[in-house]
Amino acid sequence: MPAGKPSAAASGPIDRLDIQRESHYLVSMQRILVVDDETDIVALVAYNLKKEGYRVRTAADGEEALNIAVKGEIDLIVLDLMLPGISGLELCGMLRRDGRTRTVPIIMLTAKGGEEDRIRGLETGADDYLAKPFSPRELIARVKAVLRRTGRQKHSDVVLRIGELTI
């Protein structure tokens, strides 16, 4: 084969390896706790978060959520206000007073969307507040923004692309 001329075998997708230095966020290590007693909402939120690469745990009440959160394995909590037992507002306050969970970001996702409810939620310690009904895309955007602002978003500078595959 003449020098400098590629062989026919060298024209596959591996030749088009494209390594770029970009600031892409890796969300696969992010652990999110979804706390809501409405199973349909939990399923919708969990599905959309998993689709974005997040690891999702769920809890149907405040006590279960508290037990999961204090173990220190959660990067963000999506929290409903109206829960059986410990309310979401009470849970938010408890999490903020506990040294193990004080800095875990909390997004309240609730049907209580009035101004007083939003103010009370934010003053109790929520980092963001989203009223139901909600857009799953907006929730994902808010999750990413809160993780970015709180410094909990993990990132990498190298992106490897092989054809349609991005690593």
Foldseek 3Di string as FASTA:
>chain_A
DDPPDDDPVCPDLVVVKDKAFAKDFQQLQAEEEEEAQDVVVVVVLCVLCVVVNHHYDYYDALVVVVVVQLVLRHQAYEAEQDGPDQGRLNSLLVLCVDPSRVLRAYEYEYQPDDPVVQVSSVVSPHPYYHHPPDDSVVVVVVVVVVCVVSVNTHIDRMWIDRPPDID
